[in-house]
Amino acid sequence: MWILLKDFLLVSKGMGIGIVLMCILNVGKEADYEMKQLEESEDN
């Protein structure tokens, strides 16, 4: 029973880390897009 609980906690931890990484990558991609738009508007 203890092993099952430990495995569940490890899987939950891994999923949490994965979700956080996906959010960070998504925010970075949006920031890159915003910077690109800002540079293009300054060039015109």
N, C-alpha and C. Protein backbone atom coordinates (compact mmCIF):
# COMPACT_ATOMS: atom_id res chain seq x y z
N MET A 1 0.83 -1.20 0.00
CA MET A 1 0.00 0.00 0.00
C MET A 1 0.87 1.26 0.00
N TRP A 2 1.93 1.25 0.80
CA TRP A 2 2.83 2.41 0.86
C TRP A 2 3.49 2.65 -0.50
N ILE A 3 3.86 1.57 -1.20
CA ILE A 3 4.50 1.70 -2.51
C ILE A 3 3.54 2.33 -3.52
N LEU A 4 2.28 1.91 -3.47
CA LEU A 4 1.28 2.48 -4.37
C LEU A 4 1.09 3.96 -4.13
N LEU A 5 1.04 4.36 -2.87
CA LEU A 5 0.89 5.79 -2.53
C LEU A 5 2.11 6.58 -2.98
N LYS A 6 3.30 6.02 -2.78
CA LYS A 6 4.54 6.69 -3.19
C LYS A 6 4.57 6.86 -4.71
N ASP A 7 4.18 5.82 -5.45
CA ASP A 7 4.15 5.92 -6.91
C ASP A 7 3.15 6.97 -7.37
N PHE A 8 1.99 7.03 -6.74
CA PHE A 8 0.99 8.03 -7.09
C PHE A 8 1.52 9.45 -6.86
N LEU A 9 2.23 9.64 -5.74
CA LEU A 9 2.79 10.97 -5.47
C LEU A 9 3.87 11.34 -6.49
N LEU A 10 4.68 10.37 -6.89
CA LEU A 10 5.71 10.65 -7.89
C LEU A 10 5.09 11.01 -9.24
N VAL A 11 4.05 10.29 -9.62
CA VAL A 11 3.38 10.59 -10.89
C VAL A 11 2.74 11.98 -10.83
N SER A 12 2.11 12.30 -9.70
CA SER A 12 1.49 13.62 -9.55
C SER A 12 2.55 14.72 -9.62
N LYS A 13 3.67 14.48 -8.99
CA LYS A 13 4.76 15.46 -9.01
C LYS A 13 5.26 15.68 -10.45
N GLY A 14 5.44 14.58 -11.18
CA GLY A 14 5.89 14.68 -12.56
C GLY A 14 4.90 15.42 -13.44
N MET A 15 3.62 15.16 -13.24
CA MET A 15 2.61 15.87 -14.02
C MET A 15 2.61 17.35 -13.69
N GLY A 16 2.77 17.68 -12.43
CA GLY A 16 2.82 19.09 -12.03
C GLY A 16 4.01 19.80 -12.65
N ILE A 17 5.16 19.15 -12.64
CA ILE A 17 6.35 19.75 -13.25
C ILE A 17 6.14 19.93 -14.75
N GLY A 18 5.52 18.94 -15.39
CA GLY A 18 5.25 19.04 -16.83
C GLY A 18 4.33 20.20 -17.16
N ILE A 19 3.30 20.37 -16.37
CA ILE A 19 2.35 21.47 -16.61
C ILE A 19 3.03 22.82 -16.42
N VAL A 20 3.85 22.93 -15.38
CA VAL A 20 4.57 24.19 -15.14
C VAL A 20 5.51 24.50 -16.30
N LEU A 21 6.23 23.48 -16.79
CA LEU A 21 7.14 23.70 -17.92
C LEU A 21 6.38 24.12 -19.17
N MET A 22 5.23 23.50 -19.42
CA MET A 22 4.44 23.88 -20.59
C MET A 22 3.98 25.33 -20.49
N CYS A 23 3.58 25.77 -19.29
CA CYS A 23 3.16 27.15 -19.10
C CYS A 23 4.32 28.12 -19.33
N ILE A 24 5.49 27.77 -18.80
CA ILE A 24 6.66 28.64 -18.98
C ILE A 24 7.02 28.76 -20.46
N LEU A 25 7.00 27.63 -21.18
CA LEU A 25 7.32 27.67 -22.61
C LEU A 25 6.29 28.48 -23.38
N ASN A 26 5.02 28.35 -23.01
CA ASN A 26 3.97 29.09 -23.69
C ASN A 26 4.13 30.59 -23.47
N VAL A 27 4.44 30.99 -22.24
CA VAL A 27 4.64 32.41 -21.94
C VAL A 27 5.85 32.95 -22.70
N GLY A 28 6.91 32.15 -22.78
CA GLY A 28 8.10 32.57 -23.53
C GLY A 28 7.81 32.76 -25.00
N LYS A 29 7.01 31.86 -25.56
CA LYS A 29 6.65 31.97 -26.97
C LYS A 29 5.82 33.23 -27.22
N GLU A 30 4.89 33.51 -26.32
CA GLU A 30 4.08 34.72 -26.45
C GLU A 30 4.95 35.98 -26.33
N ALA A 31 5.91 35.97 -25.42
CA ALA A 31 6.79 37.12 -25.25
C ALA A 31 7.64 37.34 -26.50
N ASP A 32 8.13 36.25 -27.11
CA ASP A 32 8.89 36.39 -28.35
C ASP A 32 8.03 37.00 -29.46
N TYR A 33 6.77 36.56 -29.53
CA TYR A 33 5.87 37.10 -30.55
C TYR A 33 5.62 38.59 -30.32
N GLU A 34 5.43 38.98 -29.06
CA GLU A 34 5.21 40.39 -28.74
C GLU A 34 6.43 41.24 -29.09
N MET A 35 7.62 40.73 -28.78
CA MET A 35 8.85 41.47 -29.11
C MET A 35 9.00 41.63 -30.62
N LYS A 36 8.65 40.57 -31.37
CA LYS A 36 8.74 40.63 -32.82
C LYS A 36 7.77 41.68 -33.37
N GLN A 37 6.55 41.71 -32.83
CA GLN A 37 5.56 42.69 -33.27
C GLN A 37 6.04 44.11 -32.94
N LEU A 38 6.64 44.28 -31.76
CA LEU A 38 7.12 45.60 -31.35
C LEU A 38 8.25 46.08 -32.27
N GLU A 39 9.18 45.17 -32.61
CA GLU A 39 10.27 45.54 -33.51
C GLU A 39 9.76 45.90 -34.89
N GLU A 40 8.77 45.16 -35.39
CA GLU A 40 8.22 45.44 -36.72
C GLU A 40 7.51 46.78 -36.73
N SER A 41 6.82 47.13 -35.64
CA SER A 41 6.10 48.42 -35.60
C SER A 41 7.10 49.58 -35.49
N GLU A 42 8.24 49.36 -34.86
CA GLU A 42 9.25 50.43 -34.76
C GLU A 42 9.95 50.67 -36.11
N ASP A 43 10.07 49.62 -36.92
CA ASP A 43 10.73 49.76 -38.22
C ASP A 43 9.92 50.59 -39.19
N ASN A 44 8.60 50.59 -39.07
CA ASN A 44 7.74 51.31 -40.02
C ASN A 44 7.65 52.77 -39.72
